[in-house]
Amino acid sequence: MWRRKLRSALTVFGIVIGIFAFTVMGSMAEKINLLISGAVSFYGTAITVQGKGGGGFGGAFTTAVVEELRALPGVAEVQPSVITLLRSSSEGGGFSFGPPNLLAGVDISEDYLRRFSEQGLVVAKGSNLAPGDTGVVVVGSDIADEFNLAPGSTFRIRGEDFVVKGVLQRSLQFADKITTCAIEDARRVFTKDLPLLLTDDIVTSAQVYAAGGIDADALARQISDQIPDVRAVPPSELKRQFQAGTVIFNLIIFGVALIAVIVGGLSVINTMIMSVSERTREIGIKRAVGAKTHHIMAEYLGEASLIGLLGGLIGFGLGWATTLIINSQTQDSGTILFTMTWRLALGALLFSVGLGVVAGLYPAFRAARMDPVKALRTM
């Protein structure tokens, strides 16, 4: 194999291209999967109640509906919230690559603080919100990076000035993109551009937690049936909705893997067939002195797997370096596009070696089945 260094290098390069693409796209998919798993863990135990209509964040309803929810049998806890874009569309808040920056107004109660802790969220700098707080926010790590914020900083949100009370520890999940404040503050920001809304009691969503022994799906149906103008999404449906978002990225990975198979596999097959043709007499000599079929196959499969491993190492290394460089450039703006995981690294290397072995099967079998007498007659 190494007697034709240029040809071998081109073969390795074919695998490098495939594994490079596999690594880059795979790390992007891992980031998306991590965000979605975080959303599932955050919302996965609650029924999400939204007003009918209203686009992606659902429609608005009033605190009177919240009281109706609390009065329903089987409801243990209701957490109302006002969620909106951190920046208005005129400020560039209408589009972002990945999850948008959000402002979330919450009812700061002991129940909220308990849920905050249960979800694994940690305030890395400063302190958390407390009951009665107003005019202060706790920001996710991506928000802090993008706007250069620290505890004590003044953060202007859609024309309103807030003081940063705390910065969350980086979680690599959707919480990194959220700014949290008291629900009254978020309500004021949310309704500033929508004066026709009831500013005193508007709510955009509520998280409803079922009491012990109560089926959440059945309770969600009860809410939708008994309270007009709202829709209740049970945890099971919400989980399906979140996980459906990963399908397109997984399809991209399979597509990249297919390209790697075609490009890398054909190059390995071509190189190994040429190698067998050039070493026909050598194979005949080995067979004549006692080399068995499995010895010849092992030799050529070993060479093919070595090509795959070398291409995989280089391709993965280049892909990893690329994701690190891009992340370093986008991190200051509060965006991390790629997440490298051990399973992705191991998968890329195993895939490259497996590709080499599979592509080398036919040439190896052809070499192992060669007639030693005919091979020795070859000049």
Protein backbone atom coordinates (compact mmCIF):
# COMPACT_ATOMS: atom_id res chain seq x y z
CA MET A 1 0.00 0.00 0.00
CA TRP A 2 2.76 2.44 0.95
CA ARG A 3 4.66 1.78 -2.28
CA ARG A 4 2.29 4.15 -4.04
CA LYS A 5 2.35 7.01 -1.54
CA LEU A 6 0.45 9.52 -3.68
CA ARG A 7 -2.36 7.08 -4.41
CA SER A 8 -2.59 6.10 -0.75
CA ALA A 9 -2.61 9.76 0.28
CA LEU A 10 -5.48 10.49 -2.10
CA THR A 11 -7.37 7.51 -0.70
CA VAL A 12 -6.88 8.76 2.85
CA PHE A 13 -7.96 12.22 1.72
CA GLY A 14 -11.25 10.81 0.45
CA ILE A 15 -12.00 9.44 3.92
CA VAL A 16 -10.79 12.66 5.55
CA ILE A 17 -13.42 14.65 3.64
CA GLY A 18 -16.24 12.36 4.74
CA ILE A 19 -15.20 12.17 8.40
CA PHE A 20 -14.57 15.93 8.52
CA ALA A 21 -18.14 16.59 7.37
CA PHE A 22 -19.45 13.87 9.69
CA THR A 23 -17.68 15.49 12.67
CA VAL A 24 -18.77 19.07 11.98
CA MET A 25 -22.40 18.25 11.23
CA GLY A 26 -22.50 15.69 14.04
CA SER A 27 -21.28 18.21 16.62
CA MET A 28 -23.96 20.64 15.46
CA ALA A 29 -26.59 17.92 15.84
CA GLU A 30 -25.24 17.11 19.32
CA LYS A 31 -25.69 20.75 20.29
CA ILE A 32 -29.29 20.74 19.07
CA ASN A 33 -29.97 17.43 20.85
CA LEU A 34 -28.56 18.88 24.05
CA LEU A 35 -30.79 21.94 23.79
CA ILE A 36 -33.84 19.79 23.19
CA SER A 37 -33.03 17.40 26.03
CA GLY A 38 -32.72 20.43 28.29
CA ALA A 39 -36.11 21.68 27.18
CA VAL A 40 -37.61 18.24 27.77
CA SER A 41 -36.16 18.08 31.29
CA PHE A 42 -37.36 21.64 32.02
CA TYR A 43 -40.92 21.19 30.76
CA GLY A 44 -41.15 17.42 30.81
CA THR A 45 -43.07 17.08 34.08
CA ALA A 46 -45.53 19.93 33.54
CA ILE A 47 -48.61 20.59 31.43
CA THR A 48 -48.05 23.70 29.32
CA VAL A 49 -51.14 25.88 29.05
CA GLN A 50 -51.30 28.58 26.36
CA GLY A 51 -53.97 30.77 24.89
CA LYS A 52 -55.31 29.64 21.54
CA GLY A 53 -53.61 31.36 18.61
CA GLY A 54 -50.81 33.86 19.03
CA GLY A 55 -48.09 32.14 16.97
CA GLY A 56 -45.05 30.36 18.35
CA PHE A 57 -45.45 31.51 21.97
CA GLY A 58 -49.19 30.86 22.01
CA GLY A 59 -51.89 33.40 22.73
CA ALA A 60 -52.28 35.44 25.89
CA PHE A 61 -54.82 34.96 28.67
CA THR A 62 -55.47 36.55 32.05
CA THR A 63 -54.68 35.76 35.66
CA ALA A 64 -58.35 34.84 36.09
CA VAL A 65 -57.61 31.76 33.99
CA VAL A 66 -54.66 30.99 36.27
CA GLU A 67 -57.03 30.98 39.24
CA GLU A 68 -59.39 28.66 37.34
CA LEU A 69 -56.48 26.31 36.76
CA ARG A 70 -55.55 26.31 40.43
CA ALA A 71 -59.15 25.48 41.36
CA LEU A 72 -59.31 22.35 39.19
CA PRO A 73 -59.19 19.01 41.04
CA GLY A 74 -55.90 17.20 40.53
CA VAL A 75 -53.82 20.38 40.12
CA ALA A 76 -50.98 20.65 42.63
CA GLU A 77 -49.26 23.79 41.39
CA VAL A 78 -49.57 26.46 38.69
CA GLN A 79 -46.68 28.69 37.63
CA PRO A 80 -47.77 31.54 35.34
CA SER A 81 -45.24 33.31 33.13
CA VAL A 82 -44.88 36.01 30.51
CA ILE A 83 -42.41 35.01 27.81
CA THR A 84 -41.35 37.22 24.93
CA LEU A 85 -38.34 37.94 22.74
CA LEU A 86 -35.54 39.73 24.57
CA ARG A 87 -35.24 42.09 21.63
CA SER A 88 -38.13 43.39 19.54
CA SER A 89 -38.12 42.75 15.80
CA SER A 90 -37.01 46.35 15.19
CA GLU A 91 -33.99 45.68 17.43
CA GLY A 92 -33.01 42.55 15.50
CA GLY A 93 -34.78 40.07 17.74
CA GLY A 94 -36.81 38.41 15.01
CA PHE A 95 -34.19 35.92 13.81
CA SER A 96 -31.39 33.95 15.39
CA PHE A 97 -29.42 30.86 14.52
CA GLY A 98 -30.70 28.38 17.08
CA PRO A 99 -32.91 29.24 20.05
CA PRO A 100 -33.69 32.99 20.32
CA ASN A 101 -32.83 35.11 23.32
CA LEU A 102 -35.92 35.25 25.52
CA LEU A 103 -37.23 37.33 28.39
CA ALA A 104 -39.16 35.19 30.87
CA GLY A 105 -41.21 36.81 33.60
CA VAL A 106 -42.05 34.39 36.42
CA ASP A 107 -44.03 34.42 39.64
CA ILE A 108 -41.10 34.44 42.08
CA SER A 109 -42.39 32.14 44.79
CA GLU A 110 -40.95 29.42 46.97
CA ASP A 111 -42.41 26.88 44.55
CA TYR A 112 -40.57 28.54 41.65
CA LEU A 113 -37.26 28.57 43.54
CA ARG A 114 -37.72 24.90 44.43
CA ARG A 115 -38.35 23.98 40.78
CA PHE A 116 -35.34 26.08 39.79
CA SER A 117 -33.13 23.97 42.05
CA GLU A 118 -34.70 20.67 40.96
CA GLN A 119 -33.94 21.47 37.32
CA GLY A 120 -30.23 21.68 38.10
CA LEU A 121 -29.91 25.41 37.39
CA VAL A 122 -27.13 27.14 39.33
CA VAL A 123 -26.39 30.84 39.80
CA ALA A 124 -22.64 31.08 39.17
CA LYS A 125 -22.26 34.82 39.88
CA GLY A 126 -24.36 37.05 42.09
CA SER A 127 -27.61 35.69 43.52
CA ASN A 128 -30.96 34.37 42.39
CA LEU A 129 -34.25 36.22 42.23
CA ALA A 130 -36.19 36.43 45.49
CA PRO A 131 -39.88 37.03 46.26
CA GLY A 132 -40.67 40.72 45.97
CA ASP A 133 -37.82 41.51 43.56
CA THR A 134 -38.51 44.07 40.86
CA GLY A 135 -36.31 45.82 38.33
CA VAL A 136 -33.67 43.05 38.46
CA VAL A 137 -32.88 40.09 36.22
CA VAL A 138 -30.94 36.83 36.25
CA VAL A 139 -29.32 36.15 32.89
CA GLY A 140 -28.15 32.97 31.17
CA SER A 141 -24.46 32.57 30.39
CA ASP A 142 -24.91 33.19 26.64
CA ILE A 143 -26.78 36.42 27.38
CA ALA A 144 -24.02 37.51 29.76
CA ASP A 145 -21.37 36.84 27.11
CA GLU A 146 -23.27 38.53 24.29
CA PHE A 147 -24.04 41.72 26.22
CA ASN A 148 -20.95 41.71 28.48
CA LEU A 149 -22.99 41.51 31.67
CA ALA A 150 -22.04 40.82 35.28
CA PRO A 151 -23.85 41.23 38.61
CA GLY A 152 -24.51 44.93 39.08
CA SER A 153 -24.55 45.72 35.35
CA THR A 154 -27.40 47.75 33.89
CA PHE A 155 -29.18 45.81 31.15
CA ARG A 156 -31.53 47.74 28.87
CA ILE A 157 -34.35 45.53 27.61
CA ARG A 158 -36.73 46.99 25.03
CA GLY A 159 -36.50 50.48 26.50
CA GLU A 160 -36.50 49.38 30.17
CA ASP A 161 -33.41 49.43 32.42
CA PHE A 162 -32.81 46.41 34.66
CA VAL A 163 -30.01 45.58 37.08
CA VAL A 164 -28.34 42.20 36.66
CA LYS A 165 -28.67 40.34 39.95
CA GLY A 166 -27.14 37.02 38.89
CA VAL A 167 -25.59 35.06 36.03
CA LEU A 168 -26.42 31.38 35.56
CA GLN A 169 -23.74 28.73 35.27
CA ARG A 170 -23.31 27.60 31.67
CA SER A 171 -25.49 24.56 31.01
CA LEU A 172 -25.11 24.31 27.20
CA GLN A 173 -28.91 24.17 27.17
CA PHE A 174 -31.73 26.58 26.45
CA ALA A 175 -31.44 28.23 29.89
CA ASP A 176 -28.26 29.91 28.64
CA LYS A 177 -30.40 32.03 26.29
CA ILE A 178 -32.99 33.21 28.83
CA THR A 179 -33.22 36.38 30.93
CA THR A 180 -35.52 35.92 33.93
CA CYS A 181 -37.32 38.65 35.85
CA ALA A 182 -40.47 39.20 37.92
CA ILE A 183 -43.66 38.57 35.98
CA GLU A 184 -44.83 42.15 36.54
CA ASP A 185 -41.68 43.52 34.89
CA ALA A 186 -41.97 41.19 31.89
CA ARG A 187 -45.67 42.06 31.55
CA ARG A 188 -44.79 45.75 31.30
CA VAL A 189 -42.12 45.09 28.65
CA PHE A 190 -44.37 42.70 26.71
CA THR A 191 -47.34 45.06 26.51
CA LYS A 192 -45.35 48.21 25.70
CA ASP A 193 -45.75 47.60 21.96
CA LEU A 194 -49.26 46.14 22.41
CA PRO A 195 -51.26 48.78 24.30
CA LEU A 196 -54.60 47.09 23.64
CA LEU A 197 -53.63 44.16 25.87
CA LEU A 198 -54.66 44.15 29.52
CA THR A 199 -51.42 45.20 31.14
CA ASP A 200 -52.36 44.35 34.70
CA ASP A 201 -53.09 40.66 34.42
CA ILE A 202 -51.84 39.26 31.12
CA VAL A 203 -50.14 35.84 31.04
CA THR A 204 -48.63 34.14 27.98
CA SER A 205 -48.33 30.62 29.41
CA ALA A 206 -48.59 28.60 32.59
CA GLN A 207 -46.95 25.42 33.79
CA VAL A 208 -49.44 23.15 35.53
CA TYR A 209 -48.16 20.33 37.74
CA ALA A 210 -50.45 17.41 38.47
CA ALA A 211 -50.93 16.14 41.99
CA GLY A 212 -49.50 12.77 42.94
CA GLY A 213 -51.35 9.87 41.33
CA ILE A 214 -53.06 12.09 38.74
CA ASP A 215 -52.50 11.27 35.07
CA ALA A 216 -51.06 14.39 33.41
CA ASP A 217 -52.49 13.56 29.98
CA ALA A 218 -55.99 13.17 31.40
CA LEU A 219 -55.63 16.40 33.36
CA ALA A 220 -54.52 18.23 30.20
CA ARG A 221 -57.66 17.03 28.39
CA GLN A 222 -59.77 18.18 31.32
CA ILE A 223 -58.20 21.65 31.19
CA SER A 224 -58.81 21.98 27.45
CA ASP A 225 -62.42 20.82 27.86
CA GLN A 226 -63.36 22.95 30.87
CA ILE A 227 -61.52 26.22 30.23
CA PRO A 228 -62.33 27.95 26.94
CA ASP A 229 -59.76 29.79 24.84
CA VAL A 230 -56.77 27.84 26.15
CA ARG A 231 -55.03 24.70 25.00
CA ALA A 232 -53.21 22.38 27.36
CA VAL A 233 -50.23 20.43 26.06
CA PRO A 234 -49.42 17.35 28.19
CA PRO A 235 -45.78 16.40 28.91
CA SER A 236 -45.92 13.43 26.52
CA GLU A 237 -47.01 15.60 23.57
CA LEU A 238 -44.53 18.33 24.42
CA LYS A 239 -41.74 15.77 24.50
CA ARG A 240 -42.77 14.48 21.06
CA GLN A 241 -42.80 18.02 19.70
CA PHE A 242 -39.32 18.74 21.01
CA GLN A 243 -37.90 15.44 19.80
CA ALA A 244 -39.41 15.94 16.35
CA GLY A 245 -37.04 18.88 16.03
CA THR A 246 -34.05 16.52 16.08
CA VAL A 247 -35.23 14.51 13.07
CA ILE A 248 -33.92 16.90 10.43
CA PHE A 249 -30.49 17.07 12.05
CA ASN A 250 -30.25 13.31 12.36
CA LEU A 251 -31.20 13.03 8.69
CA ILE A 252 -28.35 15.41 7.89
CA ILE A 253 -25.94 13.17 9.77
CA PHE A 254 -27.15 10.09 7.91
CA GLY A 255 -26.77 12.00 4.65
CA VAL A 256 -23.20 12.97 5.50
CA ALA A 257 -22.45 9.40 6.52
CA LEU A 258 -23.78 8.21 3.16
CA ILE A 259 -21.51 10.66 1.34
CA ALA A 260 -18.59 9.39 3.41
CA VAL A 261 -19.44 5.81 2.42
CA ILE A 262 -19.58 6.68 -1.28
CA VAL A 263 -16.49 8.90 -1.44
CA GLY A 264 -14.28 7.07 1.03
CA GLY A 265 -15.49 3.57 0.20
CA LEU A 266 -14.93 3.84 -3.53
CA SER A 267 -11.48 5.31 -3.04
CA VAL A 268 -10.48 2.47 -0.69
CA ILE A 269 -11.87 -0.18 -3.04
CA ASN A 270 -10.01 1.32 -5.99
CA THR A 271 -6.72 1.57 -4.10
CA MET A 272 -6.90 -1.96 -2.71
CA ILE A 273 -7.82 -3.49 -6.08
CA MET A 274 -4.86 -1.72 -7.68
CA SER A 275 -2.66 -2.91 -4.84
CA VAL A 276 -3.77 -6.51 -5.36
CA SER A 277 -3.11 -6.27 -9.11
CA GLU A 278 0.38 -4.87 -8.58
CA ARG A 279 1.27 -7.48 -5.95
CA THR A 280 -0.09 -10.54 -7.70
CA ARG A 281 3.30 -12.27 -7.89
CA GLU A 282 4.03 -11.42 -4.25
CA ILE A 283 0.72 -12.98 -3.25
CA GLY A 284 1.56 -16.10 -5.26
CA ILE A 285 4.89 -16.46 -3.46
CA LYS A 286 3.23 -16.13 -0.07
CA ARG A 287 0.64 -18.75 -0.99
CA ALA A 288 3.36 -21.06 -2.32
CA VAL A 289 5.32 -20.93 0.95
CA GLY A 290 2.26 -21.78 3.03
CA ALA A 291 0.26 -18.61 3.61
CA LYS A 292 -3.38 -19.50 4.21
CA THR A 293 -6.43 -17.73 2.83
CA HIS A 294 -7.13 -16.02 6.13
CA HIS A 295 -3.53 -14.78 6.31
CA ILE A 296 -3.87 -12.97 2.98
CA MET A 297 -7.30 -11.61 3.90
CA ALA A 298 -6.04 -10.37 7.26
CA GLU A 299 -3.14 -8.57 5.59
CA TYR A 300 -5.31 -6.67 3.13
CA LEU A 301 -8.09 -5.98 5.60
CA GLY A 302 -5.45 -4.66 7.98
CA GLU A 303 -4.19 -2.27 5.32
CA ALA A 304 -7.74 -1.14 4.52
CA SER A 305 -8.56 -0.56 8.19
CA LEU A 306 -5.31 1.37 8.61
CA ILE A 307 -6.31 3.65 5.73
CA GLY A 308 -9.70 4.14 7.39
CA LEU A 309 -8.17 4.84 10.81
CA LEU A 310 -5.65 7.33 9.43
CA GLY A 311 -8.33 9.13 7.43
CA GLY A 312 -10.62 9.10 10.45
CA LEU A 313 -8.02 10.57 12.79
CA ILE A 314 -7.13 13.36 10.38
CA GLY A 315 -10.75 14.09 9.43
CA PHE A 316 -11.90 14.10 13.05
CA GLY A 317 -8.97 16.28 14.11
CA LEU A 318 -9.70 18.83 11.38
CA GLY A 319 -13.42 18.77 12.16
CA TRP A 320 -12.84 19.23 15.88
CA ALA A 321 -10.43 22.11 15.26
CA THR A 322 -12.97 23.74 12.96
CA THR A 323 -15.74 23.58 15.58
CA LEU A 324 -13.42 25.01 18.24
CA ILE A 325 -12.43 27.91 16.00
CA ILE A 326 -16.02 28.72 15.04
CA ASN A 327 -17.21 28.45 18.65
CA SER A 328 -14.44 30.79 19.79
CA GLN A 329 -15.57 33.34 17.19
CA THR A 330 -19.27 33.12 18.03
CA GLN A 331 -19.07 32.70 21.81
CA ASP A 332 -18.64 36.43 22.43
CA SER A 333 -21.99 37.01 20.75
CA GLY A 334 -23.62 34.47 23.05
CA THR A 335 -23.84 31.64 20.51
CA ILE A 336 -22.19 28.23 20.68
CA LEU A 337 -22.98 26.27 17.54
CA PHE A 338 -21.16 22.99 18.18
CA THR A 339 -20.85 20.52 21.03
CA MET A 340 -18.27 17.75 20.86
CA THR A 341 -19.11 14.56 22.75
CA TRP A 342 -17.25 11.33 23.41
CA ARG A 343 -19.87 9.31 21.55
CA LEU A 344 -19.41 11.47 18.46
CA ALA A 345 -15.61 11.15 18.62
CA LEU A 346 -15.77 7.39 19.11
CA GLY A 347 -18.46 7.07 16.44
CA ALA A 348 -16.40 8.99 13.88
CA LEU A 349 -13.31 6.82 14.43
CA LEU A 350 -15.21 3.53 14.50
CA PHE A 351 -17.11 4.57 11.40
CA SER A 352 -13.91 5.38 9.51
CA VAL A 353 -12.28 2.06 10.46
CA GLY A 354 -15.45 0.15 9.65
CA LEU A 355 -15.67 1.92 6.31
CA GLY A 356 -12.11 0.87 5.49
CA VAL A 357 -12.75 -2.74 6.47
CA VAL A 358 -16.02 -3.03 4.54
CA ALA A 359 -14.54 -1.38 1.46
CA GLY A 360 -11.52 -3.68 1.67
CA LEU A 361 -13.52 -6.92 1.86
CA TYR A 362 -13.81 -7.51 -1.89
CA PRO A 363 -10.13 -6.76 -2.71
CA ALA A 364 -9.01 -8.88 0.26
CA PHE A 365 -11.25 -11.77 -0.77
CA ARG A 366 -9.99 -11.48 -4.34
CA ALA A 367 -6.37 -11.62 -3.15
CA ALA A 368 -7.02 -14.54 -0.79
CA ARG A 369 -8.74 -16.63 -3.50
CA MET A 370 -5.95 -16.11 -6.02
CA ASP A 371 -4.47 -19.27 -7.63
CA PRO A 372 -0.79 -19.35 -6.54
CA VAL A 373 0.36 -21.03 -9.79
CA LYS A 374 -1.26 -18.38 -11.98
CA ALA A 375 0.00 -15.68 -9.65
CA LEU A 376 3.61 -16.90 -9.93
CA ARG A 377 3.41 -16.80 -13.72
CA THR A 378 2.54 -13.10 -13.58
CA MET A 379 5.45 -10.84 -14.45
